[in-house]
């Protein structure tokens, strides 16, 4: 009988668990705003996840975070969880994390400089904003400009800061992760 090579190494699984937990923890660092769309640090964790670990593992980490929330584990902002939280008016932004991670992960081999990292994260953020805002508009019956006023414009300064922070931290953290 031959020994099978595992699909995931222990290190890979540990990194997935680490980044899933990091997204959940950063989701709790939040400031509530009107219309129920909180400012939180979850996207910073998504950016770092997509920049630091291989594509399939970053997507697995983000999906695990969403699945934990779906089954009711209170991992979303404000310690919310369950189908109502994931499929509610802000759920599109949560699901947009997958698009964000995919955009960054798929462009990662070309992302070799500070500004390239910023550009990849900006693309990911744009996808998250588009998907989340369309979702929000569909569930609230609000127009584009009103939805942008609630869900995008107030978040631009914080999201810019998260992108800059992730772009600065990623190379240093990549060195630490390689030593693991």
C-alpha atoms as a PDB file:
ATOM      1  CA  UNK A   1       0.000   0.000   0.000  1.00  0.00           C
ATOM      2  CA  UNK A   2       1.406   3.387  -0.957  1.00  0.00           C
ATOM      3  CA  UNK A   3       1.273   6.400   1.286  1.00  0.00           C
ATOM      4  CA  UNK A   4      -0.802   9.271  -0.076  1.00  0.00           C
ATOM      5  CA  UNK A   5       0.474  12.821   0.003  1.00  0.00           C
ATOM      6  CA  UNK A   6      -1.964  15.043   1.899  1.00  0.00           C
ATOM      7  CA  UNK A   7      -3.742  17.739  -0.088  1.00  0.00           C
ATOM      8  CA  UNK A   8      -2.905  20.326   2.560  1.00  0.00           C
ATOM      9  CA  UNK A   9       0.083  20.364   4.842  1.00  0.00           C
ATOM     10  CA  UNK A  10      -0.284  21.125   8.538  1.00  0.00           C
ATOM     11  CA  UNK A  11       1.361  24.496   7.871  1.00  0.00           C
ATOM     12  CA  UNK A  12      -1.177  25.294   5.123  1.00  0.00           C
ATOM     13  CA  UNK A  13      -4.092  24.426   7.391  1.00  0.00           C
ATOM     14  CA  UNK A  14      -2.606  26.460  10.219  1.00  0.00           C
ATOM     15  CA  UNK A  15      -2.230  29.497   7.938  1.00  0.00           C
ATOM     16  CA  UNK A  16      -5.839  29.112   6.748  1.00  0.00           C
ATOM     17  CA  UNK A  17      -7.067  28.924  10.334  1.00  0.00           C
ATOM     18  CA  UNK A  18      -4.890  31.876  11.334  1.00  0.00           C
ATOM     19  CA  UNK A  19      -6.227  34.121   8.576  1.00  0.00           C
ATOM     20  CA  UNK A  20      -9.831  32.992   9.094  1.00  0.00           C
ATOM     21  CA  UNK A  21      -9.465  33.962  12.757  1.00  0.00           C
ATOM     22  CA  UNK A  22      -7.732  37.217  11.835  1.00  0.00           C
ATOM     23  CA  UNK A  23     -10.628  38.230   9.565  1.00  0.00           C
ATOM     24  CA  UNK A  24     -13.109  37.376  12.330  1.00  0.00           C
ATOM     25  CA  UNK A  25     -11.161  39.322  14.961  1.00  0.00           C
ATOM     26  CA  UNK A  26     -10.637  42.338  12.697  1.00  0.00           C
ATOM     27  CA  UNK A  27     -14.389  42.316  11.936  1.00  0.00           C
ATOM     28  CA  UNK A  28     -15.033  43.138  15.573  1.00  0.00           C
ATOM     29  CA  UNK A  29     -12.867  46.259  15.459  1.00  0.00           C
ATOM     30  CA  UNK A  30     -15.788  48.330  14.186  1.00  0.00           C
ATOM     31  CA  UNK A  31     -17.482  51.713  14.342  1.00  0.00           C
ATOM     32  CA  UNK A  32     -21.221  51.587  13.564  1.00  0.00           C
ATOM     33  CA  UNK A  33     -22.624  54.097  11.078  1.00  0.00           C
ATOM     34  CA  UNK A  34     -26.185  54.886   9.912  1.00  0.00           C
ATOM     35  CA  UNK A  35     -27.975  52.278   7.778  1.00  0.00           C
ATOM     36  CA  UNK A  36     -26.151  49.478   9.592  1.00  0.00           C
ATOM     37  CA  UNK A  37     -22.948  49.389   7.522  1.00  0.00           C
ATOM     38  CA  UNK A  38     -20.118  49.474  10.093  1.00  0.00           C
ATOM     39  CA  UNK A  39     -16.577  50.656   9.468  1.00  0.00           C
ATOM     40  CA  UNK A  40     -14.389  47.728  10.449  1.00  0.00           C
ATOM     41  CA  UNK A  41     -10.922  46.368   9.881  1.00  0.00           C
ATOM     42  CA  UNK A  42     -11.979  43.115   8.193  1.00  0.00           C
ATOM     43  CA  UNK A  43     -10.826  44.235   4.748  1.00  0.00           C
ATOM     44  CA  UNK A  44      -7.345  44.849   6.133  1.00  0.00           C
ATOM     45  CA  UNK A  45      -7.250  41.189   7.167  1.00  0.00           C
ATOM     46  CA  UNK A  46      -8.621  40.121   3.760  1.00  0.00           C
ATOM     47  CA  UNK A  47      -5.926  42.187   2.015  1.00  0.00           C
ATOM     48  CA  UNK A  48      -3.176  40.633   4.118  1.00  0.00           C
ATOM     49  CA  UNK A  49      -4.591  37.157   3.643  1.00  0.00           C
ATOM     50  CA  UNK A  50      -4.620  37.512  -0.150  1.00  0.00           C
ATOM     51  CA  UNK A  51      -1.163  39.094  -0.245  1.00  0.00           C
ATOM     52  CA  UNK A  52       0.569  36.679   2.101  1.00  0.00           C
ATOM     53  CA  UNK A  53      -0.679  33.151   1.507  1.00  0.00           C
ATOM     54  CA  UNK A  54      -1.224  31.188  -1.712  1.00  0.00           C
ATOM     55  CA  UNK A  55      -4.408  31.895  -3.664  1.00  0.00           C
ATOM     56  CA  UNK A  56      -6.266  28.668  -2.871  1.00  0.00           C
ATOM     57  CA  UNK A  57      -5.540  29.032   0.832  1.00  0.00           C
ATOM     58  CA  UNK A  58      -6.533  32.681   0.973  1.00  0.00           C
ATOM     59  CA  UNK A  59      -9.823  31.879  -0.777  1.00  0.00           C
ATOM     60  CA  UNK A  60     -10.355  28.969   1.613  1.00  0.00           C
ATOM     61  CA  UNK A  61      -9.724  31.269   4.594  1.00  0.00           C
ATOM     62  CA  UNK A  62     -12.211  33.880   3.385  1.00  0.00           C
ATOM     63  CA  UNK A  63     -14.800  31.216   2.520  1.00  0.00           C
ATOM     64  CA  UNK A  64     -14.355  29.603   5.949  1.00  0.00           C
ATOM     65  CA  UNK A  65     -14.986  32.995   7.587  1.00  0.00           C
ATOM     66  CA  UNK A  66     -18.201  33.404   5.570  1.00  0.00           C
ATOM     67  CA  UNK A  67     -19.322  29.831   6.285  1.00  0.00           C
ATOM     68  CA  UNK A  68     -18.701  30.263  10.007  1.00  0.00           C
ATOM     69  CA  UNK A  69     -20.882  33.362   9.908  1.00  0.00           C
ATOM     70  CA  UNK A  70     -23.537  31.609   7.842  1.00  0.00           C
ATOM     71  CA  UNK A  71     -23.928  28.778  10.355  1.00  0.00           C
ATOM     72  CA  UNK A  72     -24.344  31.287  13.168  1.00  0.00           C
ATOM     73  CA  UNK A  73     -20.895  31.750  14.658  1.00  0.00           C
ATOM     74  CA  UNK A  74     -20.795  35.473  15.561  1.00  0.00           C
ATOM     75  CA  UNK A  75     -17.814  36.404  13.382  1.00  0.00           C
ATOM     76  CA  UNK A  76     -19.332  39.332  11.486  1.00  0.00           C
ATOM     77  CA  UNK A  77     -19.119  42.930  12.733  1.00  0.00           C
ATOM     78  CA  UNK A  78     -20.953  43.490  15.990  1.00  0.00           C
ATOM     79  CA  UNK A  79     -20.673  39.778  16.834  1.00  0.00           C
ATOM     80  CA  UNK A  80     -23.387  38.934  14.335  1.00  0.00           C
ATOM     81  CA  UNK A  81     -23.780  35.653  12.532  1.00  0.00           C
ATOM     82  CA  UNK A  82     -26.380  33.532  10.796  1.00  0.00           C
ATOM     83  CA  UNK A  83     -28.123  33.628   7.427  1.00  0.00           C
ATOM     84  CA  UNK A  84     -29.871  36.924   8.213  1.00  0.00           C
ATOM     85  CA  UNK A  85     -26.512  38.634   8.685  1.00  0.00           C
ATOM     86  CA  UNK A  86     -24.934  37.134   5.569  1.00  0.00           C
ATOM     87  CA  UNK A  87     -27.944  37.630   3.312  1.00  0.00           C
ATOM     88  CA  UNK A  88     -29.094  40.937   4.805  1.00  0.00           C
ATOM     89  CA  UNK A  89     -28.582  44.386   3.317  1.00  0.00           C
ATOM     90  CA  UNK A  90     -24.834  44.453   4.104  1.00  0.00           C
ATOM     91  CA  UNK A  91     -24.232  40.831   3.148  1.00  0.00           C
ATOM     92  CA  UNK A  92     -23.084  41.765  -0.327  1.00  0.00           C
ATOM     93  CA  UNK A  93     -20.061  43.466   1.153  1.00  0.00           C
ATOM     94  CA  UNK A  94     -19.240  40.351   3.169  1.00  0.00           C
ATOM     95  CA  UNK A  95     -19.527  38.163   0.076  1.00  0.00           C
ATOM     96  CA  UNK A  96     -17.491  40.798  -1.743  1.00  0.00           C
ATOM     97  CA  UNK A  97     -14.544  39.742   0.419  1.00  0.00           C
ATOM     98  CA  UNK A  98     -14.250  36.706  -1.872  1.00  0.00           C
ATOM     99  CA  UNK A  99     -14.055  38.990  -4.915  1.00  0.00           C
ATOM    100  CA  UNK A 100     -11.485  41.147  -3.142  1.00  0.00           C
ATOM    101  CA  UNK A 101      -9.347  38.143  -2.256  1.00  0.00           C
ATOM    102  CA  UNK A 102      -9.660  36.745  -5.777  1.00  0.00           C
ATOM    103  CA  UNK A 103      -8.626  40.024  -7.434  1.00  0.00           C
ATOM    104  CA  UNK A 104      -5.567  40.347  -5.221  1.00  0.00           C
ATOM    105  CA  UNK A 105      -4.665  36.671  -5.386  1.00  0.00           C
ATOM    106  CA  UNK A 106      -4.982  36.427  -9.159  1.00  0.00           C
ATOM    107  CA  UNK A 107      -2.780  39.484  -9.693  1.00  0.00           C
ATOM    108  CA  UNK A 108      -0.302  38.555  -6.977  1.00  0.00           C
ATOM    109  CA  UNK A 109       2.524  37.342  -9.200  1.00  0.00           C
ATOM    110  CA  UNK A 110       2.692  40.805 -10.805  1.00  0.00           C
ATOM    111  CA  UNK A 111       2.369  42.585  -7.476  1.00  0.00           C
ATOM    112  CA  UNK A 112       6.012  43.250  -6.692  1.00  0.00           C
ATOM    113  CA  UNK A 113       6.044  46.849  -5.498  1.00  0.00           C
ATOM    114  CA  UNK A 114       4.260  49.045  -2.987  1.00  0.00           C
ATOM    115  CA  UNK A 115       2.127  50.737  -5.669  1.00  0.00           C
ATOM    116  CA  UNK A 116       1.354  47.436  -7.395  1.00  0.00           C
ATOM    117  CA  UNK A 117       0.094  46.066  -4.067  1.00  0.00           C
ATOM    118  CA  UNK A 118      -2.017  49.213  -3.625  1.00  0.00           C
ATOM    119  CA  UNK A 119      -3.428  48.829  -7.152  1.00  0.00           C
ATOM    120  CA  UNK A 120      -4.348  45.171  -6.615  1.00  0.00           C
ATOM    121  CA  UNK A 121      -6.090  46.006  -3.350  1.00  0.00           C
ATOM    122  CA  UNK A 122      -7.877  48.954  -4.966  1.00  0.00           C
ATOM    123  CA  UNK A 123      -9.189  46.620  -7.675  1.00  0.00           C
ATOM    124  CA  UNK A 124     -10.356  44.195  -4.996  1.00  0.00           C
ATOM    125  CA  UNK A 125     -12.026  46.988  -3.042  1.00  0.00           C
ATOM    126  CA  UNK A 126     -13.784  48.215  -6.178  1.00  0.00           C
ATOM    127  CA  UNK A 127     -15.202  44.735  -6.806  1.00  0.00           C
ATOM    128  CA  UNK A 128     -16.349  44.524  -3.184  1.00  0.00           C
ATOM    129  CA  UNK A 129     -17.976  47.962  -3.414  1.00  0.00           C
ATOM    130  CA  UNK A 130     -19.746  47.182  -6.694  1.00  0.00           C
ATOM    131  CA  UNK A 131     -21.106  43.821  -5.550  1.00  0.00           C
ATOM    132  CA  UNK A 132     -22.021  45.075  -2.080  1.00  0.00           C
ATOM    133  CA  UNK A 133     -23.676  48.258  -3.320  1.00  0.00           C
ATOM    134  CA  UNK A 134     -25.746  46.423  -5.934  1.00  0.00           C
ATOM    135  CA  UNK A 135     -26.811  43.959  -3.240  1.00  0.00           C
ATOM    136  CA  UNK A 136     -27.664  46.829  -0.862  1.00  0.00           C
ATOM    137  CA  UNK A 137     -29.659  48.662  -3.551  1.00  0.00           C
ATOM    138  CA  UNK A 138     -31.605  45.512  -4.383  1.00  0.00           C
ATOM    139  CA  UNK A 139     -32.594  44.872  -0.772  1.00  0.00           C
ATOM    140  CA  UNK A 140     -33.298  48.477   0.261  1.00  0.00           C
ATOM    141  CA  UNK A 141     -34.792  49.821  -2.991  1.00  0.00           C
ATOM    142  CA  UNK A 142     -32.567  52.891  -2.650  1.00  0.00           C
ATOM    143  CA  UNK A 143     -31.006  54.592  -5.658  1.00  0.00           C
ATOM    144  CA  UNK A 144     -27.354  54.555  -6.591  1.00  0.00           C
ATOM    145  CA  UNK A 145     -26.407  57.961  -5.203  1.00  0.00           C
ATOM    146  CA  UNK A 146     -28.173  57.392  -1.886  1.00  0.00           C
ATOM    147  CA  UNK A 147     -26.626  53.938  -1.562  1.00  0.00           C
ATOM    148  CA  UNK A 148     -23.160  55.316  -2.329  1.00  0.00           C
ATOM    149  CA  UNK A 149     -23.746  57.927   0.363  1.00  0.00           C
ATOM    150  CA  UNK A 150     -24.499  55.243   2.930  1.00  0.00           C
ATOM    151  CA  UNK A 151     -22.188  52.457   1.831  1.00  0.00           C
ATOM    152  CA  UNK A 152     -19.177  53.812  -0.039  1.00  0.00           C
ATOM    153  CA  UNK A 153     -18.371  57.493   0.400  1.00  0.00           C
ATOM    154  CA  UNK A 154     -18.082  57.438   4.226  1.00  0.00           C
ATOM    155  CA  UNK A 155     -15.692  54.489   3.970  1.00  0.00           C
ATOM    156  CA  UNK A 156     -13.256  55.832   1.379  1.00  0.00           C
ATOM    157  CA  UNK A 157     -10.771  57.459   3.806  1.00  0.00           C
ATOM    158  CA  UNK A 158     -10.653  54.385   6.063  1.00  0.00           C
ATOM    159  CA  UNK A 159     -10.332  52.026   3.115  1.00  0.00           C
ATOM    160  CA  UNK A 160      -7.489  54.108   1.687  1.00  0.00           C
ATOM    161  CA  UNK A 161      -5.721  53.885   5.040  1.00  0.00           C
ATOM    162  CA  UNK A 162      -6.250  50.101   5.162  1.00  0.00           C
ATOM    163  CA  UNK A 163      -4.796  49.708   1.673  1.00  0.00           C
ATOM    164  CA  UNK A 164      -1.719  51.777   2.527  1.00  0.00           C
ATOM    165  CA  UNK A 165      -1.223  49.918   5.816  1.00  0.00           C
ATOM    166  CA  UNK A 166      -1.535  46.491   4.170  1.00  0.00           C
ATOM    167  CA  UNK A 167       0.852  47.524   1.372  1.00  0.00           C
ATOM    168  CA  UNK A 168       3.430  48.557   3.975  1.00  0.00           C
ATOM    169  CA  UNK A 169       2.968  45.549   6.268  1.00  0.00           C
ATOM    170  CA  UNK A 170       2.793  42.770   3.674  1.00  0.00           C
ATOM    171  CA  UNK A 171       6.526  42.486   2.857  1.00  0.00           C
ATOM    172  CA  UNK A 172       7.487  42.427   6.527  1.00  0.00           C
ATOM    173  CA  UNK A 173       4.829  39.883   7.403  1.00  0.00           C
ATOM    174  CA  UNK A 174       5.736  37.741   4.374  1.00  0.00           C
ATOM    175  CA  UNK A 175       9.230  37.334   5.815  1.00  0.00           C
ATOM    176  CA  UNK A 176       7.779  36.194   9.138  1.00  0.00           C
ATOM    177  CA  UNK A 177       5.367  33.755   7.486  1.00  0.00           C
ATOM    178  CA  UNK A 178       8.174  32.187   5.443  1.00  0.00           C
ATOM    179  CA  UNK A 179       9.950  31.348   8.691  1.00  0.00           C
ATOM    180  CA  UNK A 180       6.920  29.473  10.002  1.00  0.00           C
END
